[in-house]
Amino acid sequence: MKYLLLLFLLSVAMQAQSFTAGSSALPDAPSQPPFLTVENKVNFSILAGLVAADAITTQRGLNQGLREVNPIMRPFVTRGAAGEAAGSALGFSAGVGVVYLLHRSHHYKAERITMRMIVAGEGGFVANNIIAIR
């Protein structure tokens, strides 16, 4: 009798697992817009160009006897082109990382504003370097 009861309970448990909820039982999750939109790709490309221009103009200024005023980047840029590349890569990835975190936390307007502010700031740095090395 114990074995018959055990067999009955196992078969009921197996049948219970085969029941699934209908597809209309749960609402669809809200979709999140993609991170790599055309706008973001263009902004990242512009930022990469500005970072490269900043690196070139900074090294030119250092060759002319100027000094780096950013204390965070100073240890990188004084190591030559390799240090400059490492510092530029860190700065670029930090900017893109902040924008990505804002995107993942559903702050889409802040994401766009932050990206534009980063591009504007980097453009200002490049302009300042060009003025200084003239």
Protein backbone atom coordinates (compact mmCIF):
# COMPACT_ATOMS: atom_id res chain seq x y z
CA MET A 1 0.00 0.00 0.00
CA LYS A 2 2.91 2.37 0.78
CA TYR A 3 4.41 1.77 -2.66
CA LEU A 4 1.10 2.37 -4.39
CA LEU A 5 0.64 5.65 -2.53
CA LEU A 6 4.22 6.71 -3.36
CA LEU A 7 3.68 5.88 -7.05
CA PHE A 8 0.44 7.87 -7.04
CA LEU A 9 2.11 10.94 -5.45
CA LEU A 10 5.03 10.86 -7.89
CA SER A 11 2.72 10.64 -10.88
CA VAL A 12 0.64 13.55 -9.57
CA ALA A 13 3.82 15.59 -9.06
CA MET A 14 4.95 14.83 -12.61
CA GLN A 15 1.57 15.82 -14.03
CA ALA A 16 1.60 19.06 -12.03
CA GLN A 17 4.88 20.09 -13.63
CA SER A 18 3.51 19.68 -17.13
CA PHE A 19 0.86 22.36 -16.58
CA THR A 20 2.04 25.73 -17.86
CA ALA A 21 0.49 29.13 -17.66
CA GLY A 22 -1.07 30.52 -20.80
CA SER A 23 0.85 33.07 -22.79
CA SER A 24 -1.61 35.82 -21.84
CA ALA A 25 -1.21 35.28 -18.09
CA LEU A 26 1.74 37.67 -17.76
CA PRO A 27 2.01 41.05 -19.45
CA ASP A 28 4.88 41.70 -21.80
CA ALA A 29 7.89 43.38 -20.21
CA PRO A 30 8.53 46.92 -21.36
CA SER A 31 11.20 47.03 -24.01
CA GLN A 32 14.39 48.98 -23.46
CA PRO A 33 15.74 51.00 -26.38
CA PRO A 34 19.10 49.77 -27.67
CA PHE A 35 22.28 51.40 -26.42
CA LEU A 36 24.10 51.55 -29.74
CA THR A 37 21.71 53.76 -31.65
CA VAL A 38 22.84 55.81 -34.63
CA GLU A 39 22.98 58.88 -32.39
CA ASN A 40 25.25 57.17 -29.86
CA LYS A 41 27.49 55.73 -32.57
CA VAL A 42 27.96 59.21 -34.05
CA ASN A 43 28.60 60.70 -30.61
CA PHE A 44 31.15 57.99 -29.76
CA SER A 45 32.91 58.55 -33.08
CA ILE A 46 33.09 62.30 -32.50
CA LEU A 47 34.38 61.71 -28.97
CA ALA A 48 37.04 59.29 -30.25
CA GLY A 49 38.20 61.88 -32.79
CA LEU A 50 38.34 64.59 -30.14
CA VAL A 51 40.26 62.32 -27.76
CA ALA A 52 42.79 61.61 -30.53
CA ALA A 53 43.08 65.32 -31.33
CA ASP A 54 43.55 66.07 -27.62
CA ALA A 55 46.32 63.47 -27.40
CA ILE A 56 48.12 64.86 -30.45
CA THR A 57 47.87 68.48 -29.37
CA THR A 58 48.91 67.61 -25.81
CA GLN A 59 52.05 65.85 -27.00
CA ARG A 60 52.86 68.77 -29.29
CA GLY A 61 52.46 71.17 -26.41
CA LEU A 62 54.70 69.04 -24.20
CA ASN A 63 57.36 69.05 -26.96
CA GLN A 64 57.17 72.87 -27.02
CA GLY A 65 57.82 73.10 -23.29
CA LEU A 66 54.26 73.38 -21.99
CA ARG A 67 53.05 71.19 -19.14
CA GLU A 68 49.93 69.14 -18.54
CA VAL A 69 47.58 70.94 -16.15
CA ASN A 70 45.32 67.95 -15.46
CA PRO A 71 46.82 66.22 -12.41
CA ILE A 72 45.07 62.93 -13.19
CA MET A 73 46.43 62.72 -16.74
CA ARG A 74 49.88 64.14 -15.96
CA PRO A 75 51.46 60.77 -15.03
CA PHE A 76 50.19 59.29 -18.30
CA VAL A 77 51.15 62.04 -20.74
CA THR A 78 54.68 62.44 -19.39
CA ARG A 79 55.38 58.80 -20.40
CA GLY A 80 55.25 59.59 -24.10
CA ALA A 81 52.91 58.29 -26.75
CA ALA A 82 52.24 54.96 -25.02
CA GLY A 83 51.26 56.66 -21.77
CA GLU A 84 49.16 59.16 -23.66
CA ALA A 85 47.35 56.32 -25.45
CA ALA A 86 46.68 54.54 -22.15
CA GLY A 87 45.38 57.71 -20.51
CA SER A 88 43.22 58.56 -23.50
CA ALA A 89 41.77 55.05 -23.57
CA LEU A 90 40.96 55.26 -19.86
CA GLY A 91 39.32 58.65 -20.29
CA PHE A 92 37.29 57.53 -23.30
CA SER A 93 36.14 54.34 -21.61
CA ALA A 94 35.21 56.23 -18.44
CA GLY A 95 33.02 58.61 -20.44
CA VAL A 96 31.33 55.82 -22.38
CA GLY A 97 30.94 53.82 -19.16
CA VAL A 98 29.10 56.65 -17.41
CA VAL A 99 26.78 57.03 -20.39
CA TYR A 100 26.15 53.27 -20.44
CA LEU A 101 25.33 53.22 -16.71
CA LEU A 102 22.83 56.01 -17.23
CA HIS A 103 21.29 54.03 -20.09
CA ARG A 104 21.03 50.84 -18.04
CA SER A 105 19.36 52.72 -15.19
CA HIS A 106 16.75 54.08 -17.65
CA HIS A 107 17.92 57.71 -17.46
CA TYR A 108 17.77 58.26 -21.21
CA LYS A 109 17.56 62.04 -21.13
CA ALA A 110 20.49 62.27 -18.71
CA GLU A 111 22.38 59.85 -20.97
CA ARG A 112 22.01 62.15 -23.97
CA ILE A 113 22.83 65.29 -21.99
CA THR A 114 25.90 63.69 -20.39
CA MET A 115 27.22 62.45 -23.73
CA ARG A 116 26.85 65.90 -25.26
CA MET A 117 28.53 67.52 -22.26
CA ILE A 118 31.47 65.11 -22.52
CA VAL A 119 31.85 65.87 -26.24
CA ALA A 120 31.62 69.62 -25.59
CA GLY A 121 34.17 69.43 -22.78
CA GLU A 122 36.62 67.43 -24.89
CA GLY A 123 36.13 69.91 -27.73
CA GLY A 124 36.98 72.71 -25.32
CA PHE A 125 40.16 70.91 -24.26
CA VAL A 126 41.23 70.51 -27.88
CA ALA A 127 40.52 74.18 -28.60
CA ASN A 128 42.52 75.21 -25.53
CA ASN A 129 45.44 73.05 -26.65
CA ILE A 130 45.37 74.49 -30.17
CA ILE A 131 45.37 78.04 -28.80
CA ALA A 132 48.25 77.23 -26.44
CA ILE A 133 50.53 75.68 -29.07
CA ARG A 134 50.15 78.51 -31.62
